[in-house]
Every structure is written in C-alpha cells, then in structure tokens.
Amino acid sequence: MKLTMHTAAAFLIFAVSISASAAPKQMDIGKVGPFTKRIIGTVKSITDGDAGCYYELKSTKGEVFTEIADFALCDPKMKKRYKGRKVKLTYKVEKVMADDCEGNPECTRHKSEAVVKKVTIIK
C-alpha cells in the first residue's frame, strides 16, 4: 500500500486531533515534593485543627477529600469566602506537628506534609 502525501497528511491530522481531545482540559492532580495531591475541588467545609485547618473538598469526580491548610487560611472571612466554591489549591511541603503529638504544644516530633498555602477561586 502506497501512502500519498494527501493520505499521510490526513492521517497526521486525525492522530493529532485524537490526542488533543483525549487530553484533560485541566489537571486535577499534581506532585508536591514526594506527595501526589489533588489541586482542584469544591470546598464543603473548613475546620480548625492543631496544625492548621482542614479543608474538606469534593473532587471533580465527586470524591470527598481533606487537606491541611496554613493557619492564615483558617480566618472566618476565608471560610465564608471559599465555602461552596470550586477552588485551585497551591501547596508547599512543610514540617508540621506529628499526629501522635495530639495537639500538645510541648511535643517536638514533626513530619513533612504538603500544606495548602494558597486557595484560588475558579470561576
């Protein structure tokens, strides 16, 4: 079978259009240091915690997940602004209090964790 220039070009256009349509429009998961984290979700609730606050979100696929956020994102104004909104999360790997410290401020054990440092509302 002999390919003409016309059929080769048509095949190339077809292959490119398939790969472009198969590609996701927006990545929902990203790498943060050694952690794989969801970066898109709809905020269901924000709860204060020992090492920060906890954002409970729903993924674009309907799965509920929780992320620890910097204390600066725990402000009541932030809670009101983000609740029910679709957001993009920006993380940074930081040392946080170890789980077995159970909130004891005198505990010196730490762990590395990807902490939400910025929340951006997606329109």
PDB file of N, CA and C in Angstrom:
ATOM      1  N   MET A   1       0.850  -1.180   0.000  1.00  0.00           N
ATOM      2  CA  MET A   1       0.000   0.000   0.000  1.00  0.00           C
ATOM      3  C   MET A   1       0.891   1.236   0.000  1.00  0.00           C
ATOM      4  N   LYS A   2       0.642   2.098  -0.928  1.00  0.00           N
ATOM      5  CA  LYS A   2       1.443   3.303  -1.075  1.00  0.00           C
ATOM      6  C   LYS A   2       0.676   4.488  -0.493  1.00  0.00           C
ATOM      7  N   LEU A   3       1.341   5.231   0.424  1.00  0.00           N
ATOM      8  CA  LEU A   3       0.724   6.422   1.002  1.00  0.00           C
ATOM      9  C   LEU A   3       1.077   7.633   0.162  1.00  0.00           C
ATOM     10  N   THR A   4       0.091   8.379  -0.178  1.00  0.00           N
ATOM     11  CA  THR A   4       0.349   9.625  -0.894  1.00  0.00           C
ATOM     12  C   THR A   4       0.549  10.723   0.137  1.00  0.00           C
ATOM     13  N   MET A   5       1.022  11.830  -0.302  1.00  0.00           N
ATOM     14  CA  MET A   5       1.217  12.973   0.582  1.00  0.00           C
ATOM     15  C   MET A   5      -0.109  13.383   1.210  1.00  0.00           C
ATOM     16  N   HIS A   6      -1.187  13.294   0.439  1.00  0.00           N
ATOM     17  CA  HIS A   6      -2.515  13.683   0.912  1.00  0.00           C
ATOM     18  C   HIS A   6      -3.001  12.753   2.031  1.00  0.00           C
ATOM     19  N   THR A   7      -2.868  11.426   1.856  1.00  0.00           N
ATOM     20  CA  THR A   7      -3.335  10.493   2.892  1.00  0.00           C
ATOM     21  C   THR A   7      -2.453  10.555   4.129  1.00  0.00           C
ATOM     22  N   ALA A   8      -1.167  10.768   3.964  1.00  0.00           N
ATOM     23  CA  ALA A   8      -0.272  10.895   5.124  1.00  0.00           C
ATOM     24  C   ALA A   8      -0.632  12.130   5.935  1.00  0.00           C
ATOM     25  N   ALA A   9      -0.931  13.244   5.273  1.00  0.00           N
ATOM     26  CA  ALA A   9      -1.315  14.474   5.972  1.00  0.00           C
ATOM     27  C   ALA A   9      -2.647  14.287   6.679  1.00  0.00           C
ATOM     28  N   ALA A  10      -3.607  13.617   6.028  1.00  0.00           N
ATOM     29  CA  ALA A  10      -4.912  13.373   6.640  1.00  0.00           C
ATOM     30  C   ALA A  10      -4.761  12.501   7.883  1.00  0.00           C
ATOM     31  N   PHE A  11      -3.903  11.472   7.809  1.00  0.00           N
ATOM     32  CA  PHE A  11      -3.670  10.597   8.952  1.00  0.00           C
ATOM     33  C   PHE A  11      -3.055  11.378  10.109  1.00  0.00           C
ATOM     34  N   LEU A  12      -2.097  12.226   9.820  1.00  0.00           N
ATOM     35  CA  LEU A  12      -1.436  13.023  10.846  1.00  0.00           C
ATOM     36  C   LEU A  12      -2.434  13.961  11.524  1.00  0.00           C
ATOM     37  N   ILE A  13      -3.289  14.612  10.782  1.00  0.00           N
ATOM     38  CA  ILE A  13      -4.309  15.498  11.349  1.00  0.00           C
ATOM     39  C   ILE A  13      -5.257  14.704  12.233  1.00  0.00           C
ATOM     40  N   PHE A  14      -5.664  13.500  11.789  1.00  0.00           N
ATOM     41  CA  PHE A  14      -6.559  12.643  12.567  1.00  0.00           C
ATOM     42  C   PHE A  14      -5.897  12.238  13.886  1.00  0.00           C
ATOM     43  N   ALA A  15      -4.624  11.831  13.854  1.00  0.00           N
ATOM     44  CA  ALA A  15      -3.909  11.401  15.057  1.00  0.00           C
ATOM     45  C   ALA A  15      -3.753  12.548  16.047  1.00  0.00           C
ATOM     46  N   VAL A  16      -3.433  13.736  15.557  1.00  0.00           N
ATOM     47  CA  VAL A  16      -3.274  14.899  16.421  1.00  0.00           C
ATOM     48  C   VAL A  16      -4.601  15.281  17.066  1.00  0.00           C
ATOM     49  N   SER A  17      -5.696  15.222  16.318  1.00  0.00           N
ATOM     50  CA  SER A  17      -6.991  15.603  16.880  1.00  0.00           C
ATOM     51  C   SER A  17      -7.450  14.600  17.930  1.00  0.00           C
ATOM     52  N   ILE A  18      -7.127  13.310  17.767  1.00  0.00           N
ATOM     53  CA  ILE A  18      -7.483  12.318  18.786  1.00  0.00           C
ATOM     54  C   ILE A  18      -6.706  12.583  20.065  1.00  0.00           C
ATOM     55  N   SER A  19      -5.395  12.813  19.978  1.00  0.00           N
ATOM     56  CA  SER A  19      -4.616  13.029  21.192  1.00  0.00           C
ATOM     57  C   SER A  19      -5.002  14.336  21.871  1.00  0.00           C
ATOM     58  N   ALA A  20      -5.365  15.352  21.132  1.00  0.00           N
ATOM     59  CA  ALA A  20      -5.775  16.617  21.740  1.00  0.00           C
ATOM     60  C   ALA A  20      -7.108  16.472  22.451  1.00  0.00           C
ATOM     61  N   SER A  21      -8.043  15.711  21.871  1.00  0.00           N
ATOM     62  CA  SER A  21      -9.347  15.563  22.513  1.00  0.00           C
ATOM     63  C   SER A  21      -9.260  14.629  23.713  1.00  0.00           C
ATOM     64  N   ALA A  22      -8.293  13.713  23.747  1.00  0.00           N
ATOM     65  CA  ALA A  22      -8.145  12.782  24.857  1.00  0.00           C
ATOM     66  C   ALA A  22      -7.456  13.447  26.052  1.00  0.00           C
ATOM     67  N   ALA A  23      -6.742  14.542  25.807  1.00  0.00           N
ATOM     68  CA  ALA A  23      -6.031  15.219  26.887  1.00  0.00           C
ATOM     69  C   ALA A  23      -7.016  15.945  27.800  1.00  0.00           C
ATOM     70  N   PRO A  24      -6.814  15.868  29.135  1.00  0.00           N
ATOM     71  CA  PRO A  24      -7.715  16.566  30.038  1.00  0.00           C
ATOM     72  C   PRO A  24      -7.570  18.075  29.879  1.00  0.00           C
ATOM     73  N   LYS A  25      -8.675  18.777  30.055  1.00  0.00           N
ATOM     74  CA  LYS A  25      -8.644  20.232  29.908  1.00  0.00           C
ATOM     75  C   LYS A  25      -7.950  20.883  31.091  1.00  0.00           C
ATOM     76  N   GLN A  26      -8.070  20.255  32.276  1.00  0.00           N
ATOM     77  CA  GLN A  26      -7.461  20.832  33.463  1.00  0.00           C
ATOM     78  C   GLN A  26      -6.991  19.695  34.353  1.00  0.00           C
ATOM     79  N   MET A  27      -5.763  19.754  34.788  1.00  0.00           N
ATOM     80  CA  MET A  27      -5.222  18.695  35.629  1.00  0.00           C
ATOM     81  C   MET A  27      -5.779  18.844  37.043  1.00  0.00           C
ATOM     82  N   ASP A  28      -6.325  17.754  37.590  1.00  0.00           N
ATOM     83  CA  ASP A  28      -6.894  17.767  38.931  1.00  0.00           C
ATOM     84  C   ASP A  28      -5.906  17.285  39.983  1.00  0.00           C
ATOM     85  N   ILE A  29      -4.808  16.650  39.545  1.00  0.00           N
ATOM     86  CA  ILE A  29      -3.836  16.073  40.469  1.00  0.00           C
ATOM     87  C   ILE A  29      -2.453  16.583  40.101  1.00  0.00           C
ATOM     88  N   GLY A  30      -1.628  16.849  41.120  1.00  0.00           N
ATOM     89  CA  GLY A  30      -0.276  17.313  40.865  1.00  0.00           C
ATOM     90  C   GLY A  30       0.699  16.775  41.898  1.00  0.00           C
ATOM     91  N   LYS A  31       1.978  16.849  41.592  1.00  0.00           N
ATOM     92  CA  LYS A  31       3.037  16.421  42.504  1.00  0.00           C
ATOM     93  C   LYS A  31       3.535  17.620  43.287  1.00  0.00           C
ATOM     94  N   VAL A  32       3.687  17.411  44.612  1.00  0.00           N
ATOM     95  CA  VAL A  32       4.244  18.426  45.504  1.00  0.00           C
ATOM     96  C   VAL A  32       5.323  17.708  46.292  1.00  0.00           C
ATOM     97  N   GLY A  33       6.583  17.902  45.893  1.00  0.00           N
ATOM     98  CA  GLY A  33       7.653  17.117  46.502  1.00  0.00           C
ATOM     99  C   GLY A  33       7.346  15.645  46.298  1.00  0.00           C
ATOM    100  N   PRO A  34       7.396  14.841  47.368  1.00  0.00           N
ATOM    101  CA  PRO A  34       7.107  13.410  47.225  1.00  0.00           C
ATOM    102  C   PRO A  34       5.612  13.076  47.255  1.00  0.00           C
ATOM    103  N   PHE A  35       4.766  14.080  47.432  1.00  0.00           N
ATOM    104  CA  PHE A  35       3.328  13.864  47.597  1.00  0.00           C
ATOM    105  C   PHE A  35       2.563  14.063  46.285  1.00  0.00           C
ATOM    106  N   THR A  36       1.551  13.253  46.082  1.00  0.00           N
ATOM    107  CA  THR A  36       0.621  13.441  44.979  1.00  0.00           C
ATOM    108  C   THR A  36      -0.651  14.005  45.595  1.00  0.00           C
ATOM    109  N   LYS A  37      -1.057  15.199  45.161  1.00  0.00           N
ATOM    110  CA  LYS A  37      -2.173  15.900  45.798  1.00  0.00           C
ATOM    111  C   LYS A  37      -3.202  16.325  44.764  1.00  0.00           C
ATOM    112  N   ARG A  38      -4.433  16.386  45.204  1.00  0.00           N
ATOM    113  CA  ARG A  38      -5.497  16.941  44.365  1.00  0.00           C
ATOM    114  C   ARG A  38      -5.365  18.456  44.424  1.00  0.00           C
ATOM    115  N   ILE A  39      -5.535  19.108  43.287  1.00  0.00           N
ATOM    116  CA  ILE A  39      -5.363  20.556  43.258  1.00  0.00           C
ATOM    117  C   ILE A  39      -6.647  21.300  42.906  1.00  0.00           C
ATOM    118  N   ILE A  40      -7.693  20.563  42.528  1.00  0.00           N
ATOM    119  CA  ILE A  40      -8.975  21.175  42.193  1.00  0.00           C
ATOM    120  C   ILE A  40     -10.059  20.513  43.033  1.00  0.00           C
ATOM    121  N   GLY A  41     -10.964  21.318  43.586  1.00  0.00           N
ATOM    122  CA  GLY A  41     -12.086  20.765  44.333  1.00  0.00           C
ATOM    123  C   GLY A  41     -13.065  21.842  44.722  1.00  0.00           C
ATOM    124  N   THR A  42     -14.224  21.406  45.209  1.00  0.00           N
ATOM    125  CA  THR A  42     -15.239  22.322  45.714  1.00  0.00           C
ATOM    126  C   THR A  42     -15.237  22.223  47.239  1.00  0.00           C
ATOM    127  N   VAL A  43     -15.088  23.359  47.908  1.00  0.00           N
ATOM    128  CA  VAL A  43     -14.976  23.384  49.374  1.00  0.00           C
ATOM    129  C   VAL A  43     -16.319  23.055  50.009  1.00  0.00           C
ATOM    130  N   LYS A  44     -16.321  21.993  50.826  1.00  0.00           N
ATOM    131  CA  LYS A  44     -17.524  21.602  51.563  1.00  0.00           C
ATOM    132  C   LYS A  44     -17.516  22.232  52.958  1.00  0.00           C
ATOM    133  N   SER A  45     -16.355  22.178  53.632  1.00  0.00           N
ATOM    134  CA  SER A  45     -16.248  22.763  54.971  1.00  0.00           C
ATOM    135  C   SER A  45     -14.792  23.066  55.284  1.00  0.00           C
ATOM    136  N   ILE A  46     -14.592  23.927  56.293  1.00  0.00           N
ATOM    137  CA  ILE A  46     -13.253  24.278  56.780  1.00  0.00           C
ATOM    138  C   ILE A  46     -13.319  24.202  58.296  1.00  0.00           C
ATOM    139  N   THR A  47     -12.462  23.361  58.883  1.00  0.00           N
ATOM    140  CA  THR A  47     -12.480  23.118  60.319  1.00  0.00           C
ATOM    141  C   THR A  47     -11.117  23.442  60.917  1.00  0.00           C
ATOM    142  N   ASP A  48     -11.095  24.128  62.045  1.00  0.00           N
ATOM    143  CA  ASP A  48      -9.842  24.429  62.731  1.00  0.00           C
ATOM    144  C   ASP A  48      -9.238  23.151  63.297  1.00  0.00           C
ATOM    145  N   GLY A  49      -7.888  23.082  63.279  1.00  0.00           N
ATOM    146  CA  GLY A  49      -7.185  21.915  63.803  1.00  0.00           C
ATOM    147  C   GLY A  49      -5.938  22.333  64.553  1.00  0.00           C
ATOM    148  N   ASP A  50      -5.161  21.335  64.982  1.00  0.00           N
ATOM    149  CA  ASP A  50      -3.952  21.595  65.775  1.00  0.00           C
ATOM    150  C   ASP A  50      -2.803  22.156  64.938  1.00  0.00           C
ATOM    151  N   ALA A  51      -2.655  21.668  63.727  1.00  0.00           N
ATOM    152  CA  ALA A  51      -1.509  22.051  62.911  1.00  0.00           C
ATOM    153  C   ALA A  51      -1.881  23.011  61.786  1.00  0.00           C
ATOM    154  N   GLY A  52      -3.115  23.432  61.748  1.00  0.00           N
ATOM    155  CA  GLY A  52      -3.623  24.297  60.689  1.00  0.00           C
ATOM    156  C   GLY A  52      -5.123  24.139  60.675  1.00  0.00           C
ATOM    157  N   CYS A  53      -5.722  24.293  59.527  1.00  0.00           N
ATOM    158  CA  CYS A  53      -7.146  23.983  59.429  1.00  0.00           C
ATOM    159  C   CYS A  53      -7.322  22.954  58.331  1.00  0.00           C
ATOM    160  N   TYR A  54      -8.450  22.304  58.351  1.00  0.00           N
ATOM    161  CA  TYR A  54      -8.695  21.211  57.422  1.00  0.00           C
ATOM    162  C   TYR A  54      -9.794  21.600  56.453  1.00  0.00           C
ATOM    163  N   TYR A  55      -9.444  21.592  55.181  1.00  0.00           N
ATOM    164  CA  TYR A  55     -10.394  21.875  54.113  1.00  0.00           C
ATOM    165  C   TYR A  55     -10.952  20.535  53.637  1.00  0.00           C
ATOM    166  N   GLU A  56     -12.257  20.367  53.754  1.00  0.00           N
ATOM    167  CA  GLU A  56     -12.908  19.184  53.195  1.00  0.00           C
ATOM    168  C   GLU A  56     -13.464  19.615  51.844  1.00  0.00           C
ATOM    169  N   LEU A  57     -13.091  18.882  50.806  1.00  0.00           N
ATOM    170  CA  LEU A  57     -13.464  19.249  49.448  1.00  0.00           C
ATOM    171  C   LEU A  57     -14.075  18.058  48.714  1.00  0.00           C
ATOM    172  N   LYS A  58     -14.744  18.360  47.621  1.00  0.00           N
ATOM    173  CA  LYS A  58     -15.276  17.324  46.735  1.00  0.00           C
ATOM    174  C   LYS A  58     -14.548  17.478  45.412  1.00  0.00           C
ATOM    175  N   SER A  59     -13.985  16.366  44.924  1.00  0.00           N
ATOM    176  CA  SER A  59     -13.243  16.394  43.659  1.00  0.00           C
ATOM    177  C   SER A  59     -14.199  16.544  42.488  1.00  0.00           C
ATOM    178  N   THR A  60     -13.638  16.770  41.314  1.00  0.00           N
ATOM    179  CA  THR A  60     -14.455  16.887  40.107  1.00  0.00           C
ATOM    180  C   THR A  60     -15.147  15.567  39.779  1.00  0.00           C
ATOM    181  N   LYS A  61     -14.664  14.468  40.362  1.00  0.00           N
ATOM    182  CA  LYS A  61     -15.275  13.150  40.159  1.00  0.00           C
ATOM    183  C   LYS A  61     -16.236  12.794  41.298  1.00  0.00           C
ATOM    184  N   GLY A  62     -16.460  13.735  42.233  1.00  0.00           N
ATOM    185  CA  GLY A  62     -17.407  13.514  43.316  1.00  0.00           C
ATOM    186  C   GLY A  62     -16.832  12.871  44.566  1.00  0.00           C
ATOM    187  N   GLU A  63     -15.526  12.642  44.604  1.00  0.00           N
ATOM    188  CA  GLU A  63     -14.886  12.036  45.775  1.00  0.00           C
ATOM    189  C   GLU A  63     -14.575  13.120  46.807  1.00  0.00           C
ATOM    190  N   VAL A  64     -14.847  12.825  48.079  1.00  0.00           N
ATOM    191  CA  VAL A  64     -14.567  13.773  49.159  1.00  0.00           C
ATOM    192  C   VAL A  64     -13.143  13.531  49.661  1.00  0.00           C
ATOM    193  N   PHE A  65     -12.388  14.629  49.849  1.00  0.00           N
ATOM    194  CA  PHE A  65     -11.032  14.528  50.376  1.00  0.00           C
ATOM    195  C   PHE A  65     -10.756  15.702  51.301  1.00  0.00           C
ATOM    196  N   THR A  66      -9.761  15.538  52.176  1.00  0.00           N
ATOM    197  CA  THR A  66      -9.423  16.562  53.165  1.00  0.00           C
ATOM    198  C   THR A  66      -7.957  16.931  53.022  1.00  0.00           C
ATOM    199  N   GLU A  67      -7.677  18.234  53.090  1.00  0.00           N
ATOM    200  CA  GLU A  67      -6.306  18.737  53.017  1.00  0.00           C
ATOM    201  C   GLU A  67      -6.046  19.682  54.179  1.00  0.00           C
ATOM    202  N   ILE A  68      -4.822  19.626  54.709  1.00  0.00           N
ATOM    203  CA  ILE A  68      -4.426  20.553  55.758  1.00  0.00           C
ATOM    204  C   ILE A  68      -3.982  21.859  55.107  1.00  0.00           C
ATOM    205  N   ALA A  69      -4.407  22.982  55.703  1.00  0.00           N
ATOM    206  CA  ALA A  69      -4.081  24.300  55.156  1.00  0.00           C
ATOM    207  C   ALA A  69      -3.375  25.141  56.210  1.00  0.00           C
ATOM    208  N   ASP A  70      -2.602  26.092  55.746  1.00  0.00           N
ATOM    209  CA  ASP A  70      -1.908  27.044  56.601  1.00  0.00           C
ATOM    210  C   ASP A  70      -2.904  27.790  57.482  1.00  0.00           C
ATOM    211  N   PHE A  71      -2.491  28.130  58.713  1.00  0.00           N
ATOM    212  CA  PHE A  71      -3.371  28.856  59.635  1.00  0.00           C
ATOM    213  C   PHE A  71      -3.933  30.138  59.027  1.00  0.00           C
ATOM    214  N   ALA A  72      -3.184  30.770  58.138  1.00  0.00           N
ATOM    215  CA  ALA A  72      -3.653  32.015  57.512  1.00  0.00           C
ATOM    216  C   ALA A  72      -4.931  31.792  56.702  1.00  0.00           C
ATOM    217  N   LEU A  73      -5.194  30.553  56.295  1.00  0.00           N
ATOM    218  CA  LEU A  73      -6.389  30.242  55.505  1.00  0.00           C
ATOM    219  C   LEU A  73      -7.557  29.771  56.377  1.00  0.00           C
ATOM    220  N   CYS A  74      -7.394  29.912  57.709  1.00  0.00           N
ATOM    221  CA  CYS A  74      -8.428  29.473  58.660  1.00  0.00           C
ATOM    222  C   CYS A  74      -9.315  30.627  59.124  1.00  0.00           C
ATOM    223  N   ASP A  75      -8.990  31.813  58.732  1.00  0.00           N
ATOM    224  CA  ASP A  75      -9.729  33.004  59.137  1.00  0.00           C
ATOM    225  C   ASP A  75     -11.212  32.864  58.796  1.00  0.00           C
ATOM    226  N   PRO A  76     -12.123  33.297  59.682  1.00  0.00           N
ATOM    227  CA  PRO A  76     -13.565  33.194  59.394  1.00  0.00           C
ATOM    228  C   PRO A  76     -13.972  33.814  58.053  1.00  0.00           C
ATOM    229  N   LYS A  77     -13.308  34.895  57.645  1.00  0.00           N
ATOM    230  CA  LYS A  77     -13.614  35.514  56.348  1.00  0.00           C
ATOM    231  C   LYS A  77     -13.274  34.559  55.203  1.00  0.00           C
ATOM    232  N   MET A  78     -12.149  33.847  55.353  1.00  0.00           N
ATOM    233  CA  MET A  78     -11.745  32.874  54.330  1.00  0.00           C
ATOM    234  C   MET A  78     -12.768  31.743  54.266  1.00  0.00           C
ATOM    235  N   LYS A  79     -13.193  31.276  55.427  1.00  0.00           N
ATOM    236  CA  LYS A  79     -14.168  30.181  55.473  1.00  0.00           C
ATOM    237  C   LYS A  79     -15.437  30.571  54.724  1.00  0.00           C
ATOM    238  N   LYS A  80     -15.898  31.775  54.955  1.00  0.00           N
ATOM    239  CA  LYS A  80     -17.120  32.254  54.304  1.00  0.00           C
ATOM    240  C   LYS A  80     -16.903  32.425  52.791  1.00  0.00           C
ATOM    241  N   ARG A  81     -15.739  32.948  52.412  1.00  0.00           N
ATOM    242  CA  ARG A  81     -15.437  33.221  51.009  1.00  0.00           C
ATOM    243  C   ARG A  81     -15.341  31.937  50.184  1.00  0.00           C
ATOM    244  N   TYR A  82     -14.729  30.888  50.738  1.00  0.00           N
ATOM    245  CA  TYR A  82     -14.439  29.691  49.957  1.00  0.00           C
ATOM    246  C   TYR A  82     -15.504  28.601  50.032  1.00  0.00           C
ATOM    247  N   LYS A  83     -16.325  28.596  51.068  1.00  0.00           N
ATOM    248  CA  LYS A  83     -17.303  27.516  51.232  1.00  0.00           C
ATOM    249  C   LYS A  83     -18.251  27.450  50.029  1.00  0.00           C
ATOM    250  N   GLY A  84     -18.368  26.255  49.462  1.00  0.00           N
ATOM    251  CA  GLY A  84     -19.242  26.033  48.313  1.00  0.00           C
ATOM    252  C   GLY A  84     -18.647  26.428  46.976  1.00  0.00           C
ATOM    253  N   ARG A  85     -17.431  26.938  46.972  1.00  0.00           N
ATOM    254  CA  ARG A  85     -16.796  27.410  45.731  1.00  0.00           C
ATOM    255  C   ARG A  85     -15.812  26.380  45.189  1.00  0.00           C
ATOM    256  N   LYS A  86     -15.690  26.334  43.878  1.00  0.00           N
ATOM    257  CA  LYS A  86     -14.689  25.494  43.219  1.00  0.00           C
ATOM    258  C   LYS A  86     -13.369  26.248  43.290  1.00  0.00           C
ATOM    259  N   VAL A  87     -12.320  25.565  43.773  1.00  0.00           N
ATOM    260  CA  VAL A  87     -11.050  26.236  44.004  1.00  0.00           C
ATOM    261  C   VAL A  87      -9.870  25.432  43.460  1.00  0.00           C
ATOM    262  N   LYS A  88      -8.766  26.143  43.283  1.00  0.00           N
ATOM    263  CA  LYS A  88      -7.481  25.535  42.948  1.00  0.00           C
ATOM    264  C   LYS A  88      -6.598  25.690  44.186  1.00  0.00           C
ATOM    265  N   LEU A  89      -5.954  24.609  44.610  1.00  0.00           N
ATOM    266  CA  LEU A  89      -5.099  24.617  45.791  1.00  0.00           C
ATOM    267  C   LEU A  89      -3.636  24.674  45.380  1.00  0.00           C
ATOM    268  N   THR A  90      -2.861  25.500  46.080  1.00  0.00           N
ATOM    269  CA  THR A  90      -1.422  25.578  45.877  1.00  0.00           C
ATOM    270  C   THR A  90      -0.759  25.124  47.165  1.00  0.00           C
ATOM    271  N   TYR A  91       0.165  24.175  47.060  1.00  0.00           N
ATOM    272  CA  TYR A  91       0.793  23.541  48.218  1.00  0.00           C
ATOM    273  C   TYR A  91       2.264  23.910  48.355  1.00  0.00           C
ATOM    274  N   LYS A  92       2.774  23.671  49.582  1.00  0.00           N
ATOM    275  CA  LYS A  92       4.200  23.756  49.855  1.00  0.00           C
ATOM    276  C   LYS A  92       4.502  22.677  50.896  1.00  0.00           C
ATOM    277  N   VAL A  93       5.601  21.947  50.728  1.00  0.00           N
ATOM    278  CA  VAL A  93       5.985  20.933  51.707  1.00  0.00           C
ATOM    279  C   VAL A  93       6.585  21.646  52.916  1.00  0.00           C
ATOM    280  N   GLU A  94       6.036  21.346  54.104  1.00  0.00           N
ATOM    281  CA  GLU A  94       6.490  21.966  55.347  1.00  0.00           C
ATOM    282  C   GLU A  94       6.527  20.932  56.466  1.00  0.00           C
ATOM    283  N   LYS A  95       7.226  21.270  57.547  1.00  0.00           N
ATOM    284  CA  LYS A  95       7.206  20.430  58.743  1.00  0.00           C
ATOM    285  C   LYS A  95       5.982  20.827  59.565  1.00  0.00           C
ATOM    286  N   VAL A  96       5.208  19.816  59.978  1.00  0.00           N
ATOM    287  CA  VAL A  96       4.049  20.042  60.844  1.00  0.00           C
ATOM    288  C   VAL A  96       4.157  19.107  62.042  1.00  0.00           C
ATOM    289  N   MET A  97       3.380  19.392  63.059  1.00  0.00           N
ATOM    290  CA  MET A  97       3.371  18.572  64.256  1.00  0.00           C
ATOM    291  C   MET A  97       2.977  17.129  63.902  1.00  0.00           C
ATOM    292  N   ALA A  98       3.677  16.162  64.463  1.00  0.00           N
ATOM    293  CA  ALA A  98       3.376  14.754  64.218  1.00  0.00           C
ATOM    294  C   ALA A  98       1.996  14.405  64.772  1.00  0.00           C
ATOM    295  N   ASP A  99       1.337  13.455  64.122  1.00  0.00           N
ATOM    296  CA  ASP A  99      -0.002  13.045  64.543  1.00  0.00           C
ATOM    297  C   ASP A  99      -0.031  12.564  65.984  1.00  0.00           C
ATOM    298  N   ASP A 100       1.007  11.844  66.401  1.00  0.00           N
ATOM    299  CA  ASP A 100       0.995  11.294  67.757  1.00  0.00           C
ATOM    300  C   ASP A 100       1.213  12.352  68.844  1.00  0.00           C
ATOM    301  N   CYS A 101       1.483  13.599  68.461  1.00  0.00           N
ATOM    302  CA  CYS A 101       1.577  14.694  69.444  1.00  0.00           C
ATOM    303  C   CYS A 101       0.188  15.082  69.961  1.00  0.00           C
ATOM    304  N   GLU A 102      -0.833  14.781  69.169  1.00  0.00           N
ATOM    305  CA  GLU A 102      -2.224  15.049  69.542  1.00  0.00           C
ATOM    306  C   GLU A 102      -2.452  16.487  70.018  1.00  0.00           C
ATOM    307  N   GLY A 103      -1.789  17.451  69.351  1.00  0.00           N
ATOM    308  CA  GLY A 103      -2.009  18.864  69.656  1.00  0.00           C
ATOM    309  C   GLY A 103      -1.218  19.410  70.834  1.00  0.00           C
ATOM    310  N   ASN A 104      -0.381  18.610  71.459  1.00  0.00           N
ATOM    311  CA  ASN A 104       0.410  19.044  72.608  1.00  0.00           C
ATOM    312  C   ASN A 104       1.487  20.021  72.133  1.00  0.00           C
ATOM    313  N   PRO A 105       1.416  21.301  72.550  1.00  0.00           N
ATOM    314  CA  PRO A 105       2.386  22.292  72.070  1.00  0.00           C
ATOM    315  C   PRO A 105       3.819  22.018  72.530  1.00  0.00           C
ATOM    316  N   GLU A 106       4.003  21.188  73.540  1.00  0.00           N
ATOM    317  CA  GLU A 106       5.348  20.862  74.021  1.00  0.00           C
ATOM    318  C   GLU A 106       5.970  19.699  73.253  1.00  0.00           C
ATOM    319  N   CYS A 107       5.197  19.048  72.428  1.00  0.00           N
ATOM    320  CA  CYS A 107       5.692  17.922  71.633  1.00  0.00           C
ATOM    321  C   CYS A 107       6.658  18.447  70.571  1.00  0.00           C
ATOM    322  N   THR A 108       7.789  17.774  70.424  1.00  0.00           N
ATOM    323  CA  THR A 108       8.806  18.235  69.472  1.00  0.00           C
ATOM    324  C   THR A 108       8.885  17.364  68.213  1.00  0.00           C
ATOM    325  N   ARG A 109       8.019  16.356  68.100  1.00  0.00           N
ATOM    326  CA  ARG A 109       8.044  15.488  66.924  1.00  0.00           C
ATOM    327  C   ARG A 109       7.315  16.160  65.760  1.00  0.00           C
ATOM    328  N   HIS A 110       7.890  16.010  64.585  1.00  0.00           N
ATOM    329  CA  HIS A 110       7.324  16.616  63.382  1.00  0.00           C
ATOM    330  C   HIS A 110       7.298  15.603  62.245  1.00  0.00           C
ATOM    331  N   LYS A 111       6.570  15.963  61.198  1.00  0.00           N
ATOM    332  CA  LYS A 111       6.548  15.193  59.957  1.00  0.00           C
ATOM    333  C   LYS A 111       6.480  16.184  58.806  1.00  0.00           C
ATOM    334  N   SER A 112       6.885  15.748  57.632  1.00  0.00           N
ATOM    335  CA  SER A 112       6.750  16.579  56.432  1.00  0.00           C
ATOM    336  C   SER A 112       5.371  16.341  55.838  1.00  0.00           C
ATOM    337  N   GLU A 113       4.762  17.406  55.391  1.00  0.00           N
ATOM    338  CA  GLU A 113       3.413  17.317  54.824  1.00  0.00           C
ATOM    339  C   GLU A 113       3.256  18.404  53.766  1.00  0.00           C
ATOM    340  N   ALA A 114       2.476  18.108  52.739  1.00  0.00           N
ATOM    341  CA  ALA A 114       2.132  19.121  51.737  1.00  0.00           C
ATOM    342  C   ALA A 114       0.977  19.933  52.322  1.00  0.00           C
ATOM    343  N   VAL A 115       1.238  21.209  52.576  1.00  0.00           N
ATOM    344  CA  VAL A 115       0.266  22.095  53.219  1.00  0.00           C
ATOM    345  C   VAL A 115      -0.268  23.091  52.190  1.00  0.00           C
ATOM    346  N   VAL A 116      -1.584  23.286  52.194  1.00  0.00           N
ATOM    347  CA  VAL A 116      -2.192  24.272  51.291  1.00  0.00           C
ATOM    348  C   VAL A 116      -1.748  25.661  51.747  1.00  0.00           C
ATOM    349  N   LYS A 117      -1.139  26.413  50.845  1.00  0.00           N
ATOM    350  CA  LYS A 117      -0.655  27.762  51.157  1.00  0.00           C
ATOM    351  C   LYS A 117      -1.485  28.841  50.470  1.00  0.00           C
ATOM    352  N   LYS A 118      -2.215  28.447  49.416  1.00  0.00           N
ATOM    353  CA  LYS A 118      -2.997  29.426  48.660  1.00  0.00           C
ATOM    354  C   LYS A 118      -4.226  28.725  48.106  1.00  0.00           C
ATOM    355  N   VAL A 119      -5.345  29.434  48.154  1.00  0.00           N
ATOM    356  CA  VAL A 119      -6.605  28.949  47.599  1.00  0.00           C
ATOM    357  C   VAL A 119      -7.080  29.992  46.597  1.00  0.00           C
ATOM    358  N   THR A 120      -7.342  29.551  45.358  1.00  0.00           N
ATOM    359  CA  THR A 120      -7.799  30.455  44.304  1.00  0.00           C
ATOM    360  C   THR A 120      -9.150  29.980  43.806  1.00  0.00           C
ATOM    361  N   ILE A 121     -10.129  30.871  43.810  1.00  0.00           N
ATOM    362  CA  ILE A 121     -11.453  30.530  43.321  1.00  0.00           C
ATOM    363  C   ILE A 121     -11.409  30.406  41.807  1.00  0.00           C
ATOM    364  N   ILE A 122     -12.007  29.325  41.298  1.00  0.00           N
ATOM    365  CA  ILE A 122     -12.107  29.097  39.859  1.00  0.00           C
ATOM    366  C   ILE A 122     -13.496  29.517  39.435  1.00  0.00           C
ATOM    367  N   LYS A 123     -13.579  30.380  38.465  1.00  0.00           N
ATOM    368  CA  LYS A 123     -14.882  30.885  38.013  1.00  0.00           C
ATOM    369  C   LYS A 123     -15.540  29.920  37.064  1.00  0.00           C
TER     370      LYS A 123
END
